[in-house]
Amino acid sequence: MSKTILIPSDFSNNALVATRYALDLAKQLGANLHILHAYSSFNSAFQSQSVNETDATRAQSDAENNMGEFLGKVGDSKNVTITTSLLKDSLTDAVEAYLNTNTTVCLMIMGTHGASGTRKDILGSNTYDIAKSVNIPLLIVPEHASSFHLERVAFFTDYQNQDIATLQSLKNLLDGQELPCTLVHITQLKDSSLQEQVALLSNWSKKLSQTVGYANLNTELVSNKEDITIVDTALDRLSADLCLLTVVGGRSFFEKLFHKSLAREIILNPKVPVLLTSGHR
């Protein structure tokens, strides 16, 4: 059975960039694409039923027209089957409803910026909520991504057991292909020496490699504070074109970044595409 890449879309420019990225990835994986759009209509108890029904019909018609225009902009879809659906629901509920009835989805791909600047924080929050509530990987594509390119991965870790499932998800997504992947840990070395941290990271890398069967795994210890510039510098130094993160509860690396609003910066303005997994596979 063919794999499916799910693309929740609001028809914005970033959604178009993400869809084109997904199309290139689908060609490489031999996967299908499904574009899902969640919409709403104005409904008021102060309006008559007929007026509310008219508003609902208009909202559905607008969604259908926008989907048609969006598909016309996607580009060459040769050898890739593209299907669509329109659901009158919230984004998170629409995604969950689709996933409950479609078991072939192996990945979701979303952009970071919505149709208007005022929606950026909302979309970012929805992206985070989706990443925590579903059990498939979520790939976030920045608006400046020009084309699909995937050769090196930077995997930021805080030694969570769920990292095993995250690395396995990457391997499964690539059908067993092992891209060069560098395990990165950021620490200020307050409670231990450099040698202890190097050993800890090395042992964690060995455990992940042996458990998942992923041999092409390197390590890099970054002695600094957790900051967006440090993350971006590491991505540049490693020439990474994919950032890999595990989303878990508690005070994990990603969770700490989120509470400091740094994860929000990574999600809304990522330097490279970011692959999030919930770590529950």
C-alpha atoms as a PDB file:
ATOM      1  CA  MET A   1       0.000   0.000   0.000  1.00  0.00           C
ATOM      2  CA  SER A   2       1.395   3.418  -0.982  1.00  0.00           C
ATOM      3  CA  LYS A   3       2.392   5.890   1.702  1.00  0.00           C
ATOM      4  CA  THR A   4       0.568   9.217   1.970  1.00  0.00           C
ATOM      5  CA  ILE A   5       1.970  12.618   2.896  1.00  0.00           C
ATOM      6  CA  LEU A   6      -0.695  14.809   4.505  1.00  0.00           C
ATOM      7  CA  ILE A   7      -0.519  18.570   3.916  1.00  0.00           C
ATOM      8  CA  PRO A   8      -2.822  20.756   6.050  1.00  0.00           C
ATOM      9  CA  SER A   9      -3.079  23.943   3.988  1.00  0.00           C
ATOM     10  CA  ASP A  10      -4.490  27.467   4.334  1.00  0.00           C
ATOM     11  CA  PHE A  11      -3.561  28.295   0.693  1.00  0.00           C
ATOM     12  CA  SER A  12      -0.951  30.857   1.798  1.00  0.00           C
ATOM     13  CA  ASN A  13       2.372  31.327   0.005  1.00  0.00           C
ATOM     14  CA  ASN A  14       4.166  29.349   2.708  1.00  0.00           C
ATOM     15  CA  ALA A  15       1.624  26.553   2.293  1.00  0.00           C
ATOM     16  CA  LEU A  16       2.428  26.527  -1.417  1.00  0.00           C
ATOM     17  CA  VAL A  17       6.175  26.326  -0.700  1.00  0.00           C
ATOM     18  CA  ALA A  18       5.529  23.460   1.724  1.00  0.00           C
ATOM     19  CA  THR A  19       3.353  21.644  -0.818  1.00  0.00           C
ATOM     20  CA  ARG A  20       6.001  21.912  -3.532  1.00  0.00           C
ATOM     21  CA  TYR A  21       8.579  20.613  -1.058  1.00  0.00           C
ATOM     22  CA  ALA A  22       6.225  17.739  -0.224  1.00  0.00           C
ATOM     23  CA  LEU A  23       5.745  16.998  -3.913  1.00  0.00           C
ATOM     24  CA  ASP A  24       9.501  16.603  -4.447  1.00  0.00           C
ATOM     25  CA  LEU A  25       9.759  14.391  -1.365  1.00  0.00           C
ATOM     26  CA  ALA A  26       6.788  12.301  -2.509  1.00  0.00           C
ATOM     27  CA  LYS A  27       8.514  11.665  -5.844  1.00  0.00           C
ATOM     28  CA  GLN A  28      11.580  10.399  -3.979  1.00  0.00           C
ATOM     29  CA  LEU A  29       9.576   8.195  -1.606  1.00  0.00           C
ATOM     30  CA  GLY A  30       6.991   7.011  -4.135  1.00  0.00           C
ATOM     31  CA  ALA A  31       4.265   8.454  -1.919  1.00  0.00           C
ATOM     32  CA  ASN A  32       0.889  10.071  -2.592  1.00  0.00           C
ATOM     33  CA  LEU A  33      -0.110  13.569  -1.442  1.00  0.00           C
ATOM     34  CA  HIS A  34      -3.316  14.585   0.302  1.00  0.00           C
ATOM     35  CA  ILE A  35      -4.040  18.288   0.771  1.00  0.00           C
ATOM     36  CA  LEU A  36      -6.480  19.055   3.591  1.00  0.00           C
ATOM     37  CA  HIS A  37      -8.099  22.430   4.164  1.00  0.00           C
ATOM     38  CA  ALA A  38     -10.069  23.214   7.326  1.00  0.00           C
ATOM     39  CA  TYR A  39     -12.536  26.085   7.058  1.00  0.00           C
ATOM     40  CA  SER A  40     -15.308  27.700   9.082  1.00  0.00           C
ATOM     41  CA  SER A  41     -18.391  29.780   8.379  1.00  0.00           C
ATOM     42  CA  PHE A  42     -20.077  32.513  10.358  1.00  0.00           C
ATOM     43  CA  ASN A  43     -22.961  31.191  12.418  1.00  0.00           C
ATOM     44  CA  SER A  44     -25.033  33.301  14.786  1.00  0.00           C
ATOM     45  CA  ALA A  45     -28.080  32.744  16.950  1.00  0.00           C
ATOM     46  CA  PHE A  46     -29.112  36.273  15.964  1.00  0.00           C
ATOM     47  CA  GLN A  47     -29.406  35.252  12.305  1.00  0.00           C
ATOM     48  CA  SER A  48     -32.141  33.164  10.760  1.00  0.00           C
ATOM     49  CA  GLN A  49     -31.418  29.555   9.878  1.00  0.00           C
ATOM     50  CA  SER A  50     -31.594  30.356   6.173  1.00  0.00           C
ATOM     51  CA  VAL A  51     -28.973  33.106   6.522  1.00  0.00           C
ATOM     52  CA  ASN A  52     -26.669  30.785   8.481  1.00  0.00           C
ATOM     53  CA  GLU A  53     -27.114  28.108   5.812  1.00  0.00           C
ATOM     54  CA  THR A  54     -26.314  30.646   3.088  1.00  0.00           C
ATOM     55  CA  ASP A  55     -23.131  31.638   4.917  1.00  0.00           C
ATOM     56  CA  ALA A  56     -22.161  27.963   5.258  1.00  0.00           C
ATOM     57  CA  THR A  57     -22.756  27.327   1.556  1.00  0.00           C
ATOM     58  CA  ARG A  58     -20.711  30.404   0.628  1.00  0.00           C
ATOM     59  CA  ALA A  59     -17.827  29.298   2.876  1.00  0.00           C
ATOM     60  CA  GLN A  60     -17.774  25.841   1.282  1.00  0.00           C
ATOM     61  CA  SER A  61     -17.886  27.319  -2.219  1.00  0.00           C
ATOM     62  CA  ASP A  62     -15.012  29.681  -1.411  1.00  0.00           C
ATOM     63  CA  ALA A  63     -12.978  26.776  -0.027  1.00  0.00           C
ATOM     64  CA  GLU A  64     -13.589  24.727  -3.179  1.00  0.00           C
ATOM     65  CA  ASN A  65     -12.578  27.613  -5.444  1.00  0.00           C
ATOM     66  CA  ASN A  66      -9.458  28.365  -3.395  1.00  0.00           C
ATOM     67  CA  MET A  67      -8.449  24.708  -3.498  1.00  0.00           C
ATOM     68  CA  GLY A  68      -8.770  24.678  -7.283  1.00  0.00           C
ATOM     69  CA  GLU A  69      -6.624  27.806  -7.640  1.00  0.00           C
ATOM     70  CA  PHE A  70      -4.065  26.396  -5.188  1.00  0.00           C
ATOM     71  CA  LEU A  71      -3.698  23.129  -7.113  1.00  0.00           C
ATOM     72  CA  GLY A  72      -3.077  25.119 -10.282  1.00  0.00           C
ATOM     73  CA  LYS A  73      -0.035  26.728  -8.636  1.00  0.00           C
ATOM     74  CA  VAL A  74       1.548  23.560  -7.231  1.00  0.00           C
ATOM     75  CA  GLY A  75       3.391  22.623 -10.405  1.00  0.00           C
ATOM     76  CA  ASP A  76       4.365  19.366 -12.085  1.00  0.00           C
ATOM     77  CA  SER A  77       2.762  16.486 -10.179  1.00  0.00           C
ATOM     78  CA  LYS A  78       3.779  13.808 -12.684  1.00  0.00           C
ATOM     79  CA  ASN A  79       3.996  10.337 -11.083  1.00  0.00           C
ATOM     80  CA  VAL A  80       2.419  11.591  -7.835  1.00  0.00           C
ATOM     81  CA  THR A  81      -1.267  11.106  -7.015  1.00  0.00           C
ATOM     82  CA  ILE A  82      -2.748  14.200  -5.335  1.00  0.00           C
ATOM     83  CA  THR A  83      -6.093  14.034  -3.522  1.00  0.00           C
ATOM     84  CA  THR A  84      -7.866  16.749  -1.526  1.00  0.00           C
ATOM     85  CA  SER A  85     -10.471  17.209   1.180  1.00  0.00           C
ATOM     86  CA  LEU A  86     -12.318  20.173   2.692  1.00  0.00           C
ATOM     87  CA  LEU A  87     -13.488  19.881   6.293  1.00  0.00           C
ATOM     88  CA  LYS A  88     -15.591  22.368   8.194  1.00  0.00           C
ATOM     89  CA  ASP A  89     -13.719  22.137  11.470  1.00  0.00           C
ATOM     90  CA  SER A  90     -10.741  23.446  13.409  1.00  0.00           C
ATOM     91  CA  LEU A  91      -7.317  22.550  12.015  1.00  0.00           C
ATOM     92  CA  THR A  92      -6.382  20.138  14.787  1.00  0.00           C
ATOM     93  CA  ASP A  93      -9.769  18.387  14.775  1.00  0.00           C
ATOM     94  CA  ALA A  94      -9.760  18.144  10.969  1.00  0.00           C
ATOM     95  CA  VAL A  95      -6.301  16.560  11.000  1.00  0.00           C
ATOM     96  CA  GLU A  96      -7.254  14.077  13.703  1.00  0.00           C
ATOM     97  CA  ALA A  97     -10.477  13.176  11.873  1.00  0.00           C
ATOM     98  CA  TYR A  98      -8.580  12.503   8.663  1.00  0.00           C
ATOM     99  CA  LEU A  99      -5.923  10.420  10.413  1.00  0.00           C
ATOM    100  CA  ASN A 100      -8.578   8.331  12.162  1.00  0.00           C
ATOM    101  CA  THR A 101      -9.876   7.115   8.808  1.00  0.00           C
ATOM    102  CA  ASN A 102      -6.641   7.015   6.793  1.00  0.00           C
ATOM    103  CA  THR A 103      -3.900   4.677   7.989  1.00  0.00           C
ATOM    104  CA  THR A 104      -1.428   5.204   5.141  1.00  0.00           C
ATOM    105  CA  VAL A 105      -0.233   8.641   6.300  1.00  0.00           C
ATOM    106  CA  CYS A 106       3.498   8.493   7.061  1.00  0.00           C
ATOM    107  CA  LEU A 107       4.201  12.215   7.396  1.00  0.00           C
ATOM    108  CA  MET A 108       2.552  15.631   7.670  1.00  0.00           C
ATOM    109  CA  ILE A 109       4.113  18.701   6.085  1.00  0.00           C
ATOM    110  CA  MET A 110       3.146  22.280   6.982  1.00  0.00           C
ATOM    111  CA  GLY A 111       4.424  25.782   6.386  1.00  0.00           C
ATOM    112  CA  THR A 112       5.171  28.181   9.213  1.00  0.00           C
ATOM    113  CA  HIS A 113       3.485  31.421   8.154  1.00  0.00           C
ATOM    114  CA  GLY A 114      -0.228  31.690   7.523  1.00  0.00           C
ATOM    115  CA  ALA A 115      -2.197  33.755   5.055  1.00  0.00           C
ATOM    116  CA  SER A 116      -1.574  36.945   7.063  1.00  0.00           C
ATOM    117  CA  GLY A 117       0.952  38.104   9.612  1.00  0.00           C
ATOM    118  CA  THR A 118      -1.655  38.176  12.371  1.00  0.00           C
ATOM    119  CA  ARG A 119      -2.106  34.403  11.993  1.00  0.00           C
ATOM    120  CA  LYS A 120       1.519  33.401  12.456  1.00  0.00           C
ATOM    121  CA  ASP A 121       1.320  32.762  16.203  1.00  0.00           C
ATOM    122  CA  ILE A 122      -1.947  30.826  15.777  1.00  0.00           C
ATOM    123  CA  LEU A 123      -0.491  28.596  13.096  1.00  0.00           C
ATOM    124  CA  GLY A 124       2.646  28.072  15.154  1.00  0.00           C
ATOM    125  CA  SER A 125       0.590  27.054  18.180  1.00  0.00           C
ATOM    126  CA  ASN A 126      -1.518  24.696  16.062  1.00  0.00           C
ATOM    127  CA  THR A 127       1.642  23.167  14.637  1.00  0.00           C
ATOM    128  CA  TYR A 128       2.935  22.515  18.151  1.00  0.00           C
ATOM    129  CA  ASP A 129      -0.432  21.117  19.291  1.00  0.00           C
ATOM    130  CA  ILE A 130      -0.599  18.805  16.277  1.00  0.00           C
ATOM    131  CA  ALA A 131       2.955  17.596  16.867  1.00  0.00           C
ATOM    132  CA  LYS A 132       2.064  16.622  20.441  1.00  0.00           C
ATOM    133  CA  SER A 133      -1.331  15.067  19.690  1.00  0.00           C
ATOM    134  CA  VAL A 134      -0.653  12.820  16.695  1.00  0.00           C
ATOM    135  CA  ASN A 135       1.641   9.848  16.293  1.00  0.00           C
ATOM    136  CA  ILE A 136       3.191  10.633  12.947  1.00  0.00           C
ATOM    137  CA  PRO A 137       6.121  12.938  12.155  1.00  0.00           C
ATOM    138  CA  LEU A 138       5.452  16.573  11.274  1.00  0.00           C
ATOM    139  CA  LEU A 139       7.796  18.394   8.890  1.00  0.00           C
ATOM    140  CA  ILE A 140       7.740  22.204   9.109  1.00  0.00           C
ATOM    141  CA  VAL A 141       8.968  23.954   5.961  1.00  0.00           C
ATOM    142  CA  PRO A 142      10.156  27.601   6.097  1.00  0.00           C
ATOM    143  CA  GLU A 143       8.842  30.076   3.563  1.00  0.00           C
ATOM    144  CA  HIS A 144      12.339  30.676   2.153  1.00  0.00           C
ATOM    145  CA  ALA A 145      12.871  27.004   1.240  1.00  0.00           C
ATOM    146  CA  SER A 146      13.559  27.083  -2.500  1.00  0.00           C
ATOM    147  CA  SER A 147      13.490  23.368  -3.260  1.00  0.00           C
ATOM    148  CA  PHE A 148      13.667  19.932  -1.696  1.00  0.00           C
ATOM    149  CA  HIS A 149      17.169  19.068  -0.519  1.00  0.00           C
ATOM    150  CA  LEU A 150      18.022  16.414   2.049  1.00  0.00           C
ATOM    151  CA  GLU A 151      21.603  15.279   2.664  1.00  0.00           C
ATOM    152  CA  ARG A 152      22.517  16.007   6.300  1.00  0.00           C
ATOM    153  CA  VAL A 153      20.494  15.955   9.535  1.00  0.00           C
ATOM    154  CA  ALA A 154      21.097  17.699  12.883  1.00  0.00           C
ATOM    155  CA  PHE A 155      19.332  15.909  15.747  1.00  0.00           C
ATOM    156  CA  PHE A 156      19.066  18.073  18.903  1.00  0.00           C
ATOM    157  CA  THR A 157      18.829  15.912  22.011  1.00  0.00           C
ATOM    158  CA  ASP A 158      18.399  16.178  25.759  1.00  0.00           C
ATOM    159  CA  TYR A 159      18.799  12.415  26.284  1.00  0.00           C
ATOM    160  CA  GLN A 160      15.113  11.544  26.257  1.00  0.00           C
ATOM    161  CA  ASN A 161      14.188   7.863  25.833  1.00  0.00           C
ATOM    162  CA  GLN A 162      11.754   8.975  23.115  1.00  0.00           C
ATOM    163  CA  ASP A 163      14.778   9.882  20.961  1.00  0.00           C
ATOM    164  CA  ILE A 164      14.894   6.216  19.998  1.00  0.00           C
ATOM    165  CA  ALA A 165      11.458   6.431  18.397  1.00  0.00           C
ATOM    166  CA  THR A 166      12.394   9.751  16.775  1.00  0.00           C
ATOM    167  CA  LEU A 167      15.465   8.315  15.070  1.00  0.00           C
ATOM    168  CA  GLN A 168      13.464   5.245  14.050  1.00  0.00           C
ATOM    169  CA  SER A 169      10.849   7.552  12.515  1.00  0.00           C
ATOM    170  CA  LEU A 170      13.521   9.243  10.414  1.00  0.00           C
ATOM    171  CA  LYS A 171      14.833   5.892   9.235  1.00  0.00           C
ATOM    172  CA  ASN A 172      11.329   4.616   8.454  1.00  0.00           C
ATOM    173  CA  LEU A 173      10.489   7.792   6.561  1.00  0.00           C
ATOM    174  CA  LEU A 174      13.543   7.355   4.355  1.00  0.00           C
ATOM    175  CA  ASP A 175      12.802   3.653   3.792  1.00  0.00           C
ATOM    176  CA  GLY A 176      15.894   2.579   5.698  1.00  0.00           C
ATOM    177  CA  GLN A 177      18.275   5.030   4.023  1.00  0.00           C
ATOM    178  CA  GLU A 178      20.825   6.422   6.494  1.00  0.00           C
ATOM    179  CA  LEU A 179      21.683  10.063   5.917  1.00  0.00           C
ATOM    180  CA  PRO A 180      24.598  11.518   7.883  1.00  0.00           C
ATOM    181  CA  CYS A 181      23.023  12.538  11.190  1.00  0.00           C
ATOM    182  CA  THR A 182      24.766  14.508  13.945  1.00  0.00           C
ATOM    183  CA  LEU A 183      23.461  14.233  17.494  1.00  0.00           C
ATOM    184  CA  VAL A 184      23.758  17.693  19.084  1.00  0.00           C
ATOM    185  CA  HIS A 185      23.527  18.482  22.799  1.00  0.00           C
ATOM    186  CA  ILE A 186      23.669  22.047  24.142  1.00  0.00           C
ATOM    187  CA  THR A 187      24.932  22.493  27.693  1.00  0.00           C
ATOM    188  CA  GLN A 188      26.446  25.241  29.857  1.00  0.00           C
ATOM    189  CA  LEU A 189      28.494  22.661  31.797  1.00  0.00           C
ATOM    190  CA  LYS A 190      27.295  23.886  35.187  1.00  0.00           C
ATOM    191  CA  ASP A 191      26.998  20.509  36.864  1.00  0.00           C
ATOM    192  CA  SER A 192      29.668  18.427  35.153  1.00  0.00           C
ATOM    193  CA  SER A 193      32.959  18.593  33.357  1.00  0.00           C
ATOM    194  CA  LEU A 194      33.461  18.717  29.609  1.00  0.00           C
ATOM    195  CA  GLN A 195      34.837  15.173  29.654  1.00  0.00           C
ATOM    196  CA  GLU A 196      31.755  13.866  31.468  1.00  0.00           C
ATOM    197  CA  GLN A 197      29.420  15.522  28.977  1.00  0.00           C
ATOM    198  CA  VAL A 198      31.388  14.215  26.005  1.00  0.00           C
ATOM    199  CA  ALA A 199      31.218  10.701  27.439  1.00  0.00           C
ATOM    200  CA  LEU A 200      27.498  11.023  28.148  1.00  0.00           C
ATOM    201  CA  LEU A 201      26.763  12.149  24.596  1.00  0.00           C
ATOM    202  CA  SER A 202      28.976   9.423  23.127  1.00  0.00           C
ATOM    203  CA  ASN A 203      27.246   6.708  25.159  1.00  0.00           C
ATOM    204  CA  TRP A 204      23.816   8.037  24.174  1.00  0.00           C
ATOM    205  CA  SER A 205      24.829   8.015  20.533  1.00  0.00           C
ATOM    206  CA  LYS A 206      25.981   4.393  20.801  1.00  0.00           C
ATOM    207  CA  LYS A 207      22.695   3.381  22.442  1.00  0.00           C
ATOM    208  CA  LEU A 208      20.621   5.061  19.733  1.00  0.00           C
ATOM    209  CA  SER A 209      22.774   3.599  16.980  1.00  0.00           C
ATOM    210  CA  GLN A 210      22.581   0.063  18.341  1.00  0.00           C
ATOM    211  CA  THR A 211      18.885   0.175  19.236  1.00  0.00           C
ATOM    212  CA  VAL A 212      17.692   1.671  15.943  1.00  0.00           C
ATOM    213  CA  GLY A 213      20.364   0.170  13.723  1.00  0.00           C
ATOM    214  CA  TYR A 214      21.508   3.573  12.491  1.00  0.00           C
ATOM    215  CA  ALA A 215      25.249   3.507  11.898  1.00  0.00           C
ATOM    216  CA  ASN A 216      25.708   6.923  10.279  1.00  0.00           C
ATOM    217  CA  LEU A 217      25.405   8.828  13.573  1.00  0.00           C
ATOM    218  CA  ASN A 218      27.937  11.431  14.743  1.00  0.00           C
ATOM    219  CA  THR A 219      28.010  13.699  17.804  1.00  0.00           C
ATOM    220  CA  GLU A 220      28.637  17.344  18.627  1.00  0.00           C
ATOM    221  CA  LEU A 221      28.645  18.887  22.093  1.00  0.00           C
ATOM    222  CA  VAL A 222      27.896  22.623  22.156  1.00  0.00           C
ATOM    223  CA  SER A 223      29.098  24.368  25.313  1.00  0.00           C
ATOM    224  CA  ASN A 224      26.863  27.422  25.433  1.00  0.00           C
ATOM    225  CA  LYS A 225      23.455  28.677  26.512  1.00  0.00           C
ATOM    226  CA  GLU A 226      20.317  27.502  24.734  1.00  0.00           C
ATOM    227  CA  ASP A 227      19.651  30.275  22.250  1.00  0.00           C
ATOM    228  CA  ILE A 228      18.282  30.543  18.708  1.00  0.00           C
ATOM    229  CA  THR A 229      21.590  31.918  17.433  1.00  0.00           C
ATOM    230  CA  ILE A 230      23.398  28.904  18.898  1.00  0.00           C
ATOM    231  CA  VAL A 231      20.947  26.543  17.206  1.00  0.00           C
ATOM    232  CA  ASP A 232      21.322  28.340  13.857  1.00  0.00           C
ATOM    233  CA  THR A 233      25.111  28.426  14.153  1.00  0.00           C
ATOM    234  CA  ALA A 234      25.180  24.680  14.759  1.00  0.00           C
ATOM    235  CA  LEU A 235      22.970  24.081  11.722  1.00  0.00           C
ATOM    236  CA  ASP A 236      25.300  26.192   9.577  1.00  0.00           C
ATOM    237  CA  ARG A 237      28.432  24.510  10.884  1.00  0.00           C
ATOM    238  CA  LEU A 238      27.005  21.066  10.167  1.00  0.00           C
ATOM    239  CA  SER A 239      25.621  22.108   6.749  1.00  0.00           C
ATOM    240  CA  ALA A 240      22.343  20.543   7.912  1.00  0.00           C
ATOM    241  CA  ASP A 241      19.300  20.758   5.684  1.00  0.00           C
ATOM    242  CA  LEU A 242      17.001  19.120   8.241  1.00  0.00           C
ATOM    243  CA  CYS A 243      16.605  19.780  11.975  1.00  0.00           C
ATOM    244  CA  LEU A 244      15.268  16.825  13.989  1.00  0.00           C
ATOM    245  CA  LEU A 245      13.509  17.269  17.363  1.00  0.00           C
ATOM    246  CA  THR A 246      11.558  15.085  19.792  1.00  0.00           C
ATOM    247  CA  VAL A 247       8.437  16.663  21.320  1.00  0.00           C
ATOM    248  CA  VAL A 248       7.779  15.226  24.775  1.00  0.00           C
ATOM    249  CA  GLY A 249       6.282  16.351  28.050  1.00  0.00           C
ATOM    250  CA  GLY A 250       8.390  17.624  30.897  1.00  0.00           C
ATOM    251  CA  ARG A 251      11.499  19.747  30.674  1.00  0.00           C
ATOM    252  CA  SER A 252      13.092  18.251  27.576  1.00  0.00           C
ATOM    253  CA  PHE A 253      15.314  20.322  25.308  1.00  0.00           C
ATOM    254  CA  PHE A 254      12.418  21.187  23.009  1.00  0.00           C
ATOM    255  CA  GLU A 255       9.993  21.768  25.881  1.00  0.00           C
ATOM    256  CA  LYS A 256      12.440  24.125  27.559  1.00  0.00           C
ATOM    257  CA  LEU A 257      12.910  26.006  24.338  1.00  0.00           C
ATOM    258  CA  PHE A 258       9.160  26.292  23.919  1.00  0.00           C
ATOM    259  CA  HIS A 259       8.659  27.790  27.379  1.00  0.00           C
ATOM    260  CA  LYS A 260      11.421  30.301  26.658  1.00  0.00           C
ATOM    261  CA  SER A 261       9.719  31.129  23.336  1.00  0.00           C
ATOM    262  CA  LEU A 262      12.787  29.846  21.500  1.00  0.00           C
ATOM    263  CA  ALA A 263      10.909  26.866  20.074  1.00  0.00           C
ATOM    264  CA  ARG A 264       8.310  29.306  18.806  1.00  0.00           C
ATOM    265  CA  GLU A 265      11.112  31.087  16.950  1.00  0.00           C
ATOM    266  CA  ILE A 266      12.335  27.781  15.519  1.00  0.00           C
ATOM    267  CA  ILE A 267       8.818  26.831  14.406  1.00  0.00           C
ATOM    268  CA  LEU A 268       7.833  30.214  12.990  1.00  0.00           C
ATOM    269  CA  ASN A 269      11.204  31.153  11.490  1.00  0.00           C
ATOM    270  CA  PRO A 270      13.189  27.941  11.011  1.00  0.00           C
ATOM    271  CA  LYS A 271      16.543  28.174   9.287  1.00  0.00           C
ATOM    272  CA  VAL A 272      15.975  24.770   7.692  1.00  0.00           C
ATOM    273  CA  PRO A 273      12.991  22.405   7.592  1.00  0.00           C
ATOM    274  CA  VAL A 274      12.246  20.981  11.046  1.00  0.00           C
ATOM    275  CA  LEU A 275      11.063  17.412  11.585  1.00  0.00           C
ATOM    276  CA  LEU A 276       9.108  17.042  14.834  1.00  0.00           C
ATOM    277  CA  THR A 277       8.004  13.732  16.288  1.00  0.00           C
ATOM    278  CA  SER A 278       6.049  13.020  19.437  1.00  0.00           C
ATOM    279  CA  GLY A 279       8.402  10.172  20.314  1.00  0.00           C
ATOM    280  CA  HIS A 280       5.509   7.696  20.701  1.00  0.00           C
ATOM    281  CA  ARG A 281       5.709   5.140  17.900  1.00  0.00           C
END
